[in-house]
């Protein structure tokens, strides 16, 4: 009988000795959000930046005689290059565009191909 009383008296002590559930830390709370931003940066922002640098390099390396495509879908040959503007000859017409309107270099001049 004494054993039963002793066990029943120590039972509440063992129950109180169990730890209460802990709050998650701030780091573990924000980790999924942080991970999502890292993944978005790697898969969306970095490739776009690389593509932008490549396009800008192409625009800066344009030469007279290069065949180019504009954002408007006009294909022509570069007739004159300025700091900000490019004159493109299409048929008998010359059209001025900003350099940023040049999307793609179709055929480089024979000088840049060698």
PDB file of N, CA and C in Angstrom:
ATOM      1  N   UNK A   1       0.816  -1.181   0.000  1.00  0.00           N
ATOM      2  CA  UNK A   1       0.000   0.000   0.000  1.00  0.00           C
ATOM      3  C   UNK A   1       0.869   1.257   0.000  1.00  0.00           C
ATOM      4  N   UNK A   2       1.945   1.199   0.747  1.00  0.00           N
ATOM      5  CA  UNK A   2       2.856   2.337   0.774  1.00  0.00           C
ATOM      6  C   UNK A   2       3.457   2.595  -0.607  1.00  0.00           C
ATOM      7  N   UNK A   3       3.687   1.524  -1.357  1.00  0.00           N
ATOM      8  CA  UNK A   3       4.233   1.683  -2.708  1.00  0.00           C
ATOM      9  C   UNK A   3       3.224   2.388  -3.610  1.00  0.00           C
ATOM     10  N   UNK A   4       1.998   2.044  -3.478  1.00  0.00           N
ATOM     11  CA  UNK A   4       0.959   2.668  -4.300  1.00  0.00           C
ATOM     12  C   UNK A   4       0.856   4.154  -3.963  1.00  0.00           C
ATOM     13  N   UNK A   5       0.904   4.491  -2.711  1.00  0.00           N
ATOM     14  CA  UNK A   5       0.834   5.892  -2.303  1.00  0.00           C
ATOM     15  C   UNK A   5       2.078   6.632  -2.796  1.00  0.00           C
ATOM     16  N   UNK A   6       3.224   6.018  -2.699  1.00  0.00           N
ATOM     17  CA  UNK A   6       4.465   6.646  -3.150  1.00  0.00           C
ATOM     18  C   UNK A   6       4.428   6.878  -4.656  1.00  0.00           C
ATOM     19  N   UNK A   7       3.929   5.898  -5.381  1.00  0.00           N
ATOM     20  CA  UNK A   7       3.840   6.051  -6.842  1.00  0.00           C
ATOM     21  C   UNK A   7       2.827   7.123  -7.212  1.00  0.00           C
ATOM     22  N   UNK A   8       1.707   7.146  -6.529  1.00  0.00           N
ATOM     23  CA  UNK A   8       0.686   8.145  -6.841  1.00  0.00           C
ATOM     24  C   UNK A   8       1.151   9.547  -6.479  1.00  0.00           C
ATOM     25  N   UNK A   9       2.023   9.678  -5.496  1.00  0.00           N
ATOM     26  CA  UNK A   9       2.553  10.995  -5.135  1.00  0.00           C
ATOM     27  C   UNK A   9       3.630  11.454  -6.120  1.00  0.00           C
ATOM     28  N   UNK A  10       4.375  10.531  -6.691  1.00  0.00           N
ATOM     29  CA  UNK A  10       5.429  10.920  -7.627  1.00  0.00           C
ATOM     30  C   UNK A  10       4.917  11.101  -9.052  1.00  0.00           C
ATOM     31  N   UNK A  11       3.764  10.582  -9.376  1.00  0.00           N
ATOM     32  CA  UNK A  11       3.197  10.720 -10.716  1.00  0.00           C
ATOM     33  C   UNK A  11       3.021  12.177 -11.135  1.00  0.00           C
ATOM     34  N   UNK A  12       2.429  13.032 -10.271  1.00  0.00           N
ATOM     35  CA  UNK A  12       2.312  14.438 -10.680  1.00  0.00           C
ATOM     36  C   UNK A  12       3.666  15.110 -10.882  1.00  0.00           C
ATOM     37  N   UNK A  13       4.684  14.686 -10.152  1.00  0.00           N
ATOM     38  CA  UNK A  13       6.020  15.263 -10.314  1.00  0.00           C
ATOM     39  C   UNK A  13       6.569  14.920 -11.698  1.00  0.00           C
ATOM     40  N   UNK A  14       6.378  13.659 -12.139  1.00  0.00           N
ATOM     41  CA  UNK A  14       6.830  13.271 -13.479  1.00  0.00           C
ATOM     42  C   UNK A  14       6.052  13.997 -14.568  1.00  0.00           C
ATOM     43  N   UNK A  15       4.779  14.220 -14.327  1.00  0.00           N
ATOM     44  CA  UNK A  15       3.959  14.930 -15.307  1.00  0.00           C
ATOM     45  C   UNK A  15       4.430  16.370 -15.448  1.00  0.00           C
ATOM     46  N   UNK A  16       4.819  16.984 -14.345  1.00  0.00           N
ATOM     47  CA  UNK A  16       5.287  18.370 -14.410  1.00  0.00           C
ATOM     48  C   UNK A  16       6.692  18.446 -14.982  1.00  0.00           C
ATOM     49  N   UNK A  17       7.428  17.365 -14.894  1.00  0.00           N
ATOM     50  CA  UNK A  17       8.796  17.358 -15.411  1.00  0.00           C
ATOM     51  C   UNK A  17       8.830  17.329 -16.933  1.00  0.00           C
ATOM     52  N   UNK A  18       7.721  16.883 -17.552  1.00  0.00           N
ATOM     53  CA  UNK A  18       7.688  16.882 -19.019  1.00  0.00           C
ATOM     54  C   UNK A  18       7.678  18.323 -19.515  1.00  0.00           C
ATOM     55  N   UNK A  19       8.416  18.546 -20.577  1.00  0.00           N
ATOM     56  CA  UNK A  19       8.526  19.913 -21.090  1.00  0.00           C
ATOM     57  C   UNK A  19       7.271  20.307 -21.850  1.00  0.00           C
ATOM     58  N   UNK A  20       6.930  21.545 -21.716  1.00  0.00           N
ATOM     59  CA  UNK A  20       5.804  22.085 -22.479  1.00  0.00           C
ATOM     60  C   UNK A  20       6.268  22.274 -23.917  1.00  0.00           C
ATOM     61  N   UNK A  21       5.357  22.237 -24.895  1.00  0.00           N
ATOM     62  CA  UNK A  21       5.765  22.443 -26.288  1.00  0.00           C
ATOM     63  C   UNK A  21       6.406  23.820 -26.464  1.00  0.00           C
ATOM     64  N   UNK A  22       7.535  23.835 -27.179  1.00  0.00           N
ATOM     65  CA  UNK A  22       8.262  25.092 -27.348  1.00  0.00           C
ATOM     66  C   UNK A  22       7.764  25.840 -28.570  1.00  0.00           C
ATOM     67  N   UNK A  23       7.902  27.143 -28.508  1.00  0.00           N
ATOM     68  CA  UNK A  23       7.568  28.006 -29.639  1.00  0.00           C
ATOM     69  C   UNK A  23       8.644  27.840 -30.697  1.00  0.00           C
ATOM     70  N   UNK A  24       8.267  27.833 -31.982  1.00  0.00           N
ATOM     71  CA  UNK A  24       9.312  27.766 -33.019  1.00  0.00           C
ATOM     72  C   UNK A  24      10.129  29.061 -33.019  1.00  0.00           C
ATOM     73  N   UNK A  25      11.399  28.938 -33.351  1.00  0.00           N
ATOM     74  CA  UNK A  25      12.260  30.115 -33.360  1.00  0.00           C
ATOM     75  C   UNK A  25      11.917  31.000 -34.556  1.00  0.00           C
ATOM     76  N   UNK A  26      12.364  32.230 -34.484  1.00  0.00           N
ATOM     77  CA  UNK A  26      12.082  33.193 -35.555  1.00  0.00           C
ATOM     78  C   UNK A  26      12.739  32.754 -36.863  1.00  0.00           C
ATOM     79  N   UNK A  27      13.899  32.144 -36.770  1.00  0.00           N
ATOM     80  CA  UNK A  27      14.610  31.695 -37.978  1.00  0.00           C
ATOM     81  C   UNK A  27      13.822  30.597 -38.684  1.00  0.00           C
ATOM     82  N   UNK A  28      13.333  29.642 -37.914  1.00  0.00           N
ATOM     83  CA  UNK A  28      12.575  28.558 -38.548  1.00  0.00           C
ATOM     84  C   UNK A  28      11.230  29.030 -39.070  1.00  0.00           C
ATOM     85  N   UNK A  29      10.706  30.094 -38.514  1.00  0.00           N
ATOM     86  CA  UNK A  29       9.443  30.648 -38.996  1.00  0.00           C
ATOM     87  C   UNK A  29       9.628  31.313 -40.354  1.00  0.00           C
ATOM     88  N   UNK A  30      10.698  32.060 -40.525  1.00  0.00           N
ATOM     89  CA  UNK A  30      10.921  32.803 -41.764  1.00  0.00           C
ATOM     90  C   UNK A  30      11.743  32.049 -42.797  1.00  0.00           C
ATOM     91  N   UNK A  31      12.233  30.874 -42.460  1.00  0.00           N
ATOM     92  CA  UNK A  31      13.068  30.099 -43.374  1.00  0.00           C
ATOM     93  C   UNK A  31      12.351  29.758 -44.686  1.00  0.00           C
ATOM     94  N   UNK A  32      11.089  29.307 -44.686  1.00  0.00           N
ATOM     95  CA  UNK A  32      10.434  29.018 -45.973  1.00  0.00           C
ATOM     96  C   UNK A  32      10.290  30.250 -46.861  1.00  0.00           C
ATOM     97  N   UNK A  33      10.008  31.396 -46.260  1.00  0.00           N
ATOM     98  CA  UNK A  33       9.871  32.627 -47.035  1.00  0.00           C
ATOM     99  C   UNK A  33      11.226  33.028 -47.616  1.00  0.00           C
ATOM    100  N   UNK A  34      12.257  32.942 -46.816  1.00  0.00           N
ATOM    101  CA  UNK A  34      13.607  33.269 -47.275  1.00  0.00           C
ATOM    102  C   UNK A  34      14.040  32.325 -48.386  1.00  0.00           C
ATOM    103  N   UNK A  35      13.766  31.061 -48.224  1.00  0.00           N
ATOM    104  CA  UNK A  35      14.098  30.067 -49.236  1.00  0.00           C
ATOM    105  C   UNK A  35      13.362  30.339 -50.547  1.00  0.00           C
ATOM    106  N   UNK A  36      12.114  30.766 -50.450  1.00  0.00           N
ATOM    107  CA  UNK A  36      11.329  31.084 -51.641  1.00  0.00           C
ATOM    108  C   UNK A  36      11.963  32.263 -52.410  1.00  0.00           C
ATOM    109  N   UNK A  37      12.407  33.282 -51.684  1.00  0.00           N
ATOM    110  CA  UNK A  37      13.044  34.419 -52.345  1.00  0.00           C
ATOM    111  C   UNK A  37      14.364  34.028 -53.005  1.00  0.00           C
ATOM    112  N   UNK A  38      15.127  33.165 -52.360  1.00  0.00           N
ATOM    113  CA  UNK A  38      16.389  32.707 -52.941  1.00  0.00           C
ATOM    114  C   UNK A  38      16.130  31.937 -54.231  1.00  0.00           C
ATOM    115  N   UNK A  39      15.146  31.060 -54.215  1.00  0.00           N
ATOM    116  CA  UNK A  39      14.802  30.276 -55.414  1.00  0.00           C
ATOM    117  C   UNK A  39      14.314  31.191 -56.524  1.00  0.00           C
ATOM    118  N   UNK A  40      13.469  32.171 -56.197  1.00  0.00           N
ATOM    119  CA  UNK A  40      12.986  33.116 -57.210  1.00  0.00           C
ATOM    120  C   UNK A  40      14.149  33.900 -57.814  1.00  0.00           C
ATOM    121  N   UNK A  41      15.094  34.322 -56.976  1.00  0.00           N
ATOM    122  CA  UNK A  41      16.238  35.074 -57.466  1.00  0.00           C
ATOM    123  C   UNK A  41      17.070  34.232 -58.428  1.00  0.00           C
ATOM    124  N   UNK A  42      17.307  32.976 -58.063  1.00  0.00           N
ATOM    125  CA  UNK A  42      18.148  32.108 -58.886  1.00  0.00           C
ATOM    126  C   UNK A  42      17.473  31.772 -60.211  1.00  0.00           C
ATOM    127  N   UNK A  43      16.180  31.481 -60.188  1.00  0.00           N
ATOM    128  CA  UNK A  43      15.518  31.010 -61.400  1.00  0.00           C
ATOM    129  C   UNK A  43      14.888  32.105 -62.250  1.00  0.00           C
ATOM    130  N   UNK A  44      14.625  33.283 -61.682  1.00  0.00           N
ATOM    131  CA  UNK A  44      13.959  34.327 -62.462  1.00  0.00           C
ATOM    132  C   UNK A  44      14.817  35.562 -62.671  1.00  0.00           C
ATOM    133  N   UNK A  45      15.426  36.068 -61.637  1.00  0.00           N
ATOM    134  CA  UNK A  45      16.122  37.350 -61.733  1.00  0.00           C
ATOM    135  C   UNK A  45      17.496  37.202 -62.376  1.00  0.00           C
ATOM    136  N   UNK A  46      18.297  36.232 -61.960  1.00  0.00           N
ATOM    137  CA  UNK A  46      19.639  36.055 -62.531  1.00  0.00           C
ATOM    138  C   UNK A  46      19.621  35.810 -64.037  1.00  0.00           C
ATOM    139  N   UNK A  47      18.783  34.891 -64.555  1.00  0.00           N
ATOM    140  CA  UNK A  47      18.777  34.704 -66.006  1.00  0.00           C
ATOM    141  C   UNK A  47      18.349  35.964 -66.768  1.00  0.00           C
ATOM    142  N   UNK A  48      17.423  36.728 -66.201  1.00  0.00           N
ATOM    143  CA  UNK A  48      16.976  37.961 -66.857  1.00  0.00           C
ATOM    144  C   UNK A  48      18.107  38.987 -66.890  1.00  0.00           C
ATOM    145  N   UNK A  49      18.891  39.068 -65.817  1.00  0.00           N
ATOM    146  CA  UNK A  49      20.018  39.990 -65.792  1.00  0.00           C
ATOM    147  C   UNK A  49      21.082  39.590 -66.805  1.00  0.00           C
ATOM    148  N   UNK A  50      21.363  38.294 -66.909  1.00  0.00           N
ATOM    149  CA  UNK A  50      22.344  37.821 -67.885  1.00  0.00           C
ATOM    150  C   UNK A  50      21.883  38.127 -69.304  1.00  0.00           C
ATOM    151  N   UNK A  51      20.610  37.900 -69.569  1.00  0.00           N
ATOM    152  CA  UNK A  51      20.062  38.177 -70.899  1.00  0.00           C
ATOM    153  C   UNK A  51      20.142  39.667 -71.212  1.00  0.00           C
ATOM    154  N   UNK A  52      19.841  40.512 -70.224  1.00  0.00           N
ATOM    155  CA  UNK A  52      19.919  41.962 -70.413  1.00  0.00           C
ATOM    156  C   UNK A  52      21.334  42.429 -70.702  1.00  0.00           C
ATOM    157  N   UNK A  53      22.319  41.868 -70.005  1.00  0.00           N
ATOM    158  CA  UNK A  53      23.719  42.229 -70.251  1.00  0.00           C
ATOM    159  C   UNK A  53      24.154  41.803 -71.647  1.00  0.00           C
ATOM    160  N   UNK A  54      23.719  40.622 -72.068  1.00  0.00           N
ATOM    161  CA  UNK A  54      24.071  40.123 -73.394  1.00  0.00           C
ATOM    162  C   UNK A  54      23.459  41.001 -74.489  1.00  0.00           C
ATOM    163  N   UNK A  55      22.213  41.401 -74.301  1.00  0.00           N
ATOM    164  CA  UNK A  55      21.542  42.270 -75.275  1.00  0.00           C
ATOM    165  C   UNK A  55      22.213  43.633 -75.330  1.00  0.00           C
ATOM    166  N   UNK A  56      22.569  44.176 -74.163  1.00  0.00           N
ATOM    167  CA  UNK A  56      23.239  45.471 -74.121  1.00  0.00           C
ATOM    168  C   UNK A  56      24.608  45.404 -74.800  1.00  0.00           C
ATOM    169  N   UNK A  57      25.316  44.310 -74.618  1.00  0.00           N
ATOM    170  CA  UNK A  57      26.608  44.130 -75.268  1.00  0.00           C
ATOM    171  C   UNK A  57      26.430  44.059 -76.784  1.00  0.00           C
ATOM    172  N   UNK A  58      25.387  43.378 -77.237  1.00  0.00           N
ATOM    173  CA  UNK A  58      25.105  43.289 -78.670  1.00  0.00           C
ATOM    174  C   UNK A  58      24.807  44.678 -79.241  1.00  0.00           C
ATOM    175  N   UNK A  59      24.025  45.471 -78.511  1.00  0.00           N
ATOM    176  CA  UNK A  59      23.686  46.826 -78.992  1.00  0.00           C
ATOM    177  C   UNK A  59      24.917  47.717 -79.065  1.00  0.00           C
ATOM    178  N   UNK A  60      25.817  47.570 -78.102  1.00  0.00           N
ATOM    179  CA  UNK A  60      27.031  48.397 -78.105  1.00  0.00           C
ATOM    180  C   UNK A  60      28.029  47.969 -79.173  1.00  0.00           C
ATOM    181  N   UNK A  61      27.921  46.731 -79.656  1.00  0.00           N
ATOM    182  CA  UNK A  61      28.860  46.257 -80.672  1.00  0.00           C
ATOM    183  C   UNK A  61      28.303  46.379 -82.093  1.00  0.00           C
ATOM    184  N   UNK A  62      27.162  47.044 -82.257  1.00  0.00           N
ATOM    185  CA  UNK A  62      26.598  47.204 -83.601  1.00  0.00           C
ATOM    186  C   UNK A  62      27.536  48.015 -84.485  1.00  0.00           C
ATOM    187  N   UNK A  63      27.592  47.630 -85.767  1.00  0.00           N
ATOM    188  CA  UNK A  63      28.417  48.324 -86.756  1.00  0.00           C
ATOM    189  C   UNK A  63      27.569  48.635 -87.977  1.00  0.00           C
ATOM    190  N   UNK A  64      28.051  49.563 -88.742  1.00  0.00           N
ATOM    191  CA  UNK A  64      27.396  49.916 -89.993  1.00  0.00           C
ATOM    192  C   UNK A  64      27.415  48.682 -90.901  1.00  0.00           C
ATOM    193  N   UNK A  65      26.250  48.333 -91.448  1.00  0.00           N
ATOM    194  CA  UNK A  65      26.136  47.192 -92.342  1.00  0.00           C
ATOM    195  C   UNK A  65      25.549  45.952 -91.676  1.00  0.00           C
ATOM    196  N   UNK A  66      25.384  45.970 -90.344  1.00  0.00           N
ATOM    197  CA  UNK A  66      24.778  44.826 -89.648  1.00  0.00           C
ATOM    198  C   UNK A  66      23.286  44.752 -89.973  1.00  0.00           C
ATOM    199  N   UNK A  67      22.797  43.540 -90.149  1.00  0.00           N
ATOM    200  CA  UNK A  67      21.369  43.331 -90.373  1.00  0.00           C
ATOM    201  C   UNK A  67      20.732  43.073 -89.022  1.00  0.00           C
ATOM    202  N   UNK A  68      19.708  43.877 -88.669  1.00  0.00           N
ATOM    203  CA  UNK A  68      19.116  43.811 -87.339  1.00  0.00           C
ATOM    204  C   UNK A  68      17.599  43.694 -87.405  1.00  0.00           C
ATOM    205  N   UNK A  69      17.026  43.298 -86.266  1.00  0.00           N
ATOM    206  CA  UNK A  69      15.584  43.219 -86.084  1.00  0.00           C
ATOM    207  C   UNK A  69      15.209  44.173 -84.960  1.00  0.00           C
ATOM    208  N   UNK A  70      14.158  44.968 -85.170  1.00  0.00           N
ATOM    209  CA  UNK A  70      13.708  45.904 -84.141  1.00  0.00           C
ATOM    210  C   UNK A  70      12.522  45.323 -83.372  1.00  0.00           C
ATOM    211  N   UNK A  71      12.162  45.995 -82.296  1.00  0.00           N
ATOM    212  CA  UNK A  71      11.000  45.574 -81.508  1.00  0.00           C
ATOM    213  C   UNK A  71       9.719  45.612 -82.336  1.00  0.00           C
ATOM    214  N   UNK A  72       9.668  46.506 -83.288  1.00  0.00           N
ATOM    215  CA  UNK A  72       8.481  46.633 -84.131  1.00  0.00           C
ATOM    216  C   UNK A  72       8.419  45.563 -85.205  1.00  0.00           C
ATOM    217  N   UNK A  73       9.448  44.744 -85.304  1.00  0.00           N
ATOM    218  CA  UNK A  73       9.472  43.685 -86.304  1.00  0.00           C
ATOM    219  C   UNK A  73      10.069  44.114 -87.627  1.00  0.00           C
ATOM    220  N   UNK A  74      10.683  45.277 -87.658  1.00  0.00           N
ATOM    221  CA  UNK A  74      11.291  45.787 -88.887  1.00  0.00           C
ATOM    222  C   UNK A  74      12.702  45.223 -89.015  1.00  0.00           C
ATOM    223  N   UNK A  75      12.987  44.648 -90.166  1.00  0.00           N
ATOM    224  CA  UNK A  75      14.316  44.125 -90.457  1.00  0.00           C
ATOM    225  C   UNK A  75      14.998  45.109 -91.384  1.00  0.00           C
ATOM    226  N   UNK A  76      16.224  45.463 -91.052  1.00  0.00           N
ATOM    227  CA  UNK A  76      16.945  46.408 -91.884  1.00  0.00           C
ATOM    228  C   UNK A  76      18.430  46.333 -91.643  1.00  0.00           C
ATOM    229  N   UNK A  77      19.158  47.171 -92.390  1.00  0.00           N
ATOM    230  CA  UNK A  77      20.616  47.220 -92.296  1.00  0.00           C
ATOM    231  C   UNK A  77      21.009  48.536 -91.646  1.00  0.00           C
ATOM    232  N   UNK A  78      21.914  48.462 -90.695  1.00  0.00           N
ATOM    233  CA  UNK A  78      22.352  49.656 -89.973  1.00  0.00           C
ATOM    234  C   UNK A  78      23.087  50.570 -90.941  1.00  0.00           C
ATOM    235  N   UNK A  79      22.589  51.818 -91.057  1.00  0.00           N
ATOM    236  CA  UNK A  79      23.198  52.795 -91.953  1.00  0.00           C
ATOM    237  C   UNK A  79      24.055  53.798 -91.180  1.00  0.00           C
ATOM    238  N   UNK A  80      23.631  54.126 -89.960  1.00  0.00           N
ATOM    239  CA  UNK A  80      24.373  55.103 -89.157  1.00  0.00           C
ATOM    240  C   UNK A  80      24.130  54.786 -87.677  1.00  0.00           C
ATOM    241  N   UNK A  81      25.183  54.939 -86.874  1.00  0.00           N
ATOM    242  CA  UNK A  81      25.062  54.689 -85.437  1.00  0.00           C
ATOM    243  C   UNK A  81      25.493  55.937 -84.688  1.00  0.00           C
ATOM    244  N   UNK A  82      24.661  56.345 -83.757  1.00  0.00           N
ATOM    245  CA  UNK A  82      24.943  57.475 -82.889  1.00  0.00           C
ATOM    246  C   UNK A  82      25.059  56.938 -81.461  1.00  0.00           C
ATOM    247  N   UNK A  83      25.316  57.817 -80.508  1.00  0.00           N
ATOM    248  CA  UNK A  83      25.400  57.404 -79.104  1.00  0.00           C
ATOM    249  C   UNK A  83      24.086  56.767 -78.639  1.00  0.00           C
ATOM    250  N   UNK A  84      22.984  57.367 -79.059  1.00  0.00           N
ATOM    251  CA  UNK A  84      21.673  56.917 -78.586  1.00  0.00           C
ATOM    252  C   UNK A  84      20.783  56.364 -79.695  1.00  0.00           C
ATOM    253  N   UNK A  85      21.006  56.797 -80.932  1.00  0.00           N
ATOM    254  CA  UNK A  85      20.125  56.429 -82.035  1.00  0.00           C
ATOM    255  C   UNK A  85      20.843  55.606 -83.098  1.00  0.00           C
ATOM    256  N   UNK A  86      20.041  54.826 -83.845  1.00  0.00           N
ATOM    257  CA  UNK A  86      20.540  54.008 -84.944  1.00  0.00           C
ATOM    258  C   UNK A  86      19.645  54.276 -86.147  1.00  0.00           C
ATOM    259  N   UNK A  87      20.252  54.528 -87.308  1.00  0.00           N
ATOM    260  CA  UNK A  87      19.490  54.665 -88.548  1.00  0.00           C
ATOM    261  C   UNK A  87      19.534  53.323 -89.262  1.00  0.00           C
ATOM    262  N   UNK A  88      18.345  52.840 -89.627  1.00  0.00           N
ATOM    263  CA  UNK A  88      18.234  51.550 -90.298  1.00  0.00           C
ATOM    264  C   UNK A  88      17.658  51.781 -91.686  1.00  0.00           C
ATOM    265  N   UNK A  89      18.307  51.146 -92.652  1.00  0.00           N
ATOM    266  CA  UNK A  89      17.843  51.262 -94.033  1.00  0.00           C
ATOM    267  C   UNK A  89      17.021  50.018 -94.350  1.00  0.00           C
ATOM    268  N   UNK A  90      15.782  50.252 -94.754  1.00  0.00           N
ATOM    269  CA  UNK A  90      14.894  49.174 -95.198  1.00  0.00           C
ATOM    270  C   UNK A  90      14.429  49.534 -96.595  1.00  0.00           C
ATOM    271  N   UNK A  91      14.918  48.822 -97.563  1.00  0.00           N
ATOM    272  CA  UNK A  91      14.595  49.169 -98.956  1.00  0.00           C
ATOM    273  C   UNK A  91      15.253  50.482 -99.303  1.00  0.00           C
ATOM    274  N   UNK A  92      14.435  51.455 -99.689  1.00  0.00           N
ATOM    275  CA  UNK A  92      14.935  52.791-100.037  1.00  0.00           C
ATOM    276  C   UNK A  92      14.725  53.784 -98.902  1.00  0.00           C
ATOM    277  N   UNK A  93      14.233  53.335 -97.772  1.00  0.00           N
ATOM    278  CA  UNK A  93      13.869  54.212 -96.658  1.00  0.00           C
ATOM    279  C   UNK A  93      14.842  54.043 -95.497  1.00  0.00           C
ATOM    280  N   UNK A  94      15.162  55.185 -94.874  1.00  0.00           N
ATOM    281  CA  UNK A  94      15.959  55.160 -93.649  1.00  0.00           C
ATOM    282  C   UNK A  94      15.037  55.528 -92.489  1.00  0.00           C
ATOM    283  N   UNK A  95      15.112  54.733 -91.429  1.00  0.00           N
ATOM    284  CA  UNK A  95      14.294  54.972 -90.245  1.00  0.00           C
ATOM    285  C   UNK A  95      15.225  55.078 -89.050  1.00  0.00           C
ATOM    286  N   UNK A  96      14.974  56.069 -88.197  1.00  0.00           N
ATOM    287  CA  UNK A  96      15.773  56.241 -86.991  1.00  0.00           C
ATOM    288  C   UNK A  96      15.073  55.570 -85.812  1.00  0.00           C
ATOM    289  N   UNK A  97      15.863  54.828 -85.041  1.00  0.00           N
ATOM    290  CA  UNK A  97      15.373  54.153 -83.845  1.00  0.00           C
ATOM    291  C   UNK A  97      16.324  54.437 -82.702  1.00  0.00           C
ATOM    292  N   UNK A  98      15.830  54.319 -81.479  1.00  0.00           N
ATOM    293  CA  UNK A  98      16.736  54.301 -80.339  1.00  0.00           C
ATOM    294  C   UNK A  98      17.440  52.956 -80.330  1.00  0.00           C
ATOM    295  N   UNK A  99      18.643  52.923 -79.775  1.00  0.00           N
ATOM    296  CA  UNK A  99      19.384  51.655 -79.716  1.00  0.00           C
ATOM    297  C   UNK A  99      18.611  50.593 -78.952  1.00  0.00           C
ATOM    298  N   UNK A 100      17.829  51.007 -77.972  1.00  0.00           N
ATOM    299  CA  UNK A 100      17.077  50.041 -77.167  1.00  0.00           C
ATOM    300  C   UNK A 100      15.993  49.337 -77.970  1.00  0.00           C
ATOM    301  N   UNK A 101      15.658  49.853 -79.152  1.00  0.00           N
ATOM    302  CA  UNK A 101      14.645  49.215 -79.988  1.00  0.00           C
ATOM    303  C   UNK A 101      15.222  48.055 -80.787  1.00  0.00           C
ATOM    304  N   UNK A 102      16.537  47.940 -80.836  1.00  0.00           N
ATOM    305  CA  UNK A 102      17.167  46.825 -81.544  1.00  0.00           C
ATOM    306  C   UNK A 102      17.102  45.601 -80.640  1.00  0.00           C
ATOM    307  N   UNK A 103      16.482  44.537 -81.155  1.00  0.00           N
ATOM    308  CA  UNK A 103      16.271  43.337 -80.354  1.00  0.00           C
ATOM    309  C   UNK A 103      17.280  42.253 -80.683  1.00  0.00           C
ATOM    310  N   UNK A 104      17.621  42.128 -81.975  1.00  0.00           N
ATOM    311  CA  UNK A 104      18.437  40.989 -82.383  1.00  0.00           C
ATOM    312  C   UNK A 104      19.335  41.363 -83.549  1.00  0.00           C
ATOM    313  N   UNK A 105      20.528  40.837 -83.528  1.00  0.00           N
ATOM    314  CA  UNK A 105      21.468  40.982 -84.636  1.00  0.00           C
ATOM    315  C   UNK A 105      21.285  39.763 -85.532  1.00  0.00           C
ATOM    316  N   UNK A 106      20.809  39.984 -86.751  1.00  0.00           N
ATOM    317  CA  UNK A 106      20.524  38.864 -87.645  1.00  0.00           C
ATOM    318  C   UNK A 106      21.762  38.410 -88.402  1.00  0.00           C
ATOM    319  N   UNK A 107      22.432  39.346 -89.049  1.00  0.00           N
ATOM    320  CA  UNK A 107      23.647  39.018 -89.807  1.00  0.00           C
ATOM    321  C   UNK A 107      24.689  40.100 -89.538  1.00  0.00           C
ATOM    322  N   UNK A 108      25.811  39.734 -88.948  1.00  0.00           N
ATOM    323  CA  UNK A 108      26.856  40.736 -88.754  1.00  0.00           C
ATOM    324  C   UNK A 108      27.506  41.076 -90.088  1.00  0.00           C
ATOM    325  N   UNK A 109      28.212  42.189 -90.125  1.00  0.00           N
ATOM    326  CA  UNK A 109      28.928  42.577 -91.343  1.00  0.00           C
ATOM    327  C   UNK A 109      30.036  41.564 -91.607  1.00  0.00           C
ATOM    328  N   UNK A 110      30.528  41.592 -92.812  1.00  0.00           N
ATOM    329  CA  UNK A 110      31.591  40.633 -93.171  1.00  0.00           C
ATOM    330  C   UNK A 110      32.854  40.891 -92.344  1.00  0.00           C
ATOM    331  N   UNK A 111      33.090  42.154 -91.899  1.00  0.00           N
ATOM    332  CA  UNK A 111      34.264  42.466 -91.079  1.00  0.00           C
ATOM    333  C   UNK A 111      34.185  41.775 -89.720  1.00  0.00           C
ATOM    334  N   UNK A 112      32.995  41.749 -89.094  1.00  0.00           N
ATOM    335  CA  UNK A 112      32.879  41.152 -87.763  1.00  0.00           C
ATOM    336  C   UNK A 112      32.738  39.627 -87.842  1.00  0.00           C
ATOM    337  N   UNK A 113      32.461  39.078 -89.034  1.00  0.00           N
ATOM    338  CA  UNK A 113      32.331  37.628 -89.179  1.00  0.00           C
ATOM    339  C   UNK A 113      33.710  36.968 -89.277  1.00  0.00           C
ATOM    340  N   UNK A 114      34.736  37.719 -89.679  1.00  0.00           N
ATOM    341  CA  UNK A 114      36.080  37.152 -89.817  1.00  0.00           C
ATOM    342  C   UNK A 114      36.900  37.370 -88.628  1.00  0.00           C
TER     343      UNK A 114
END
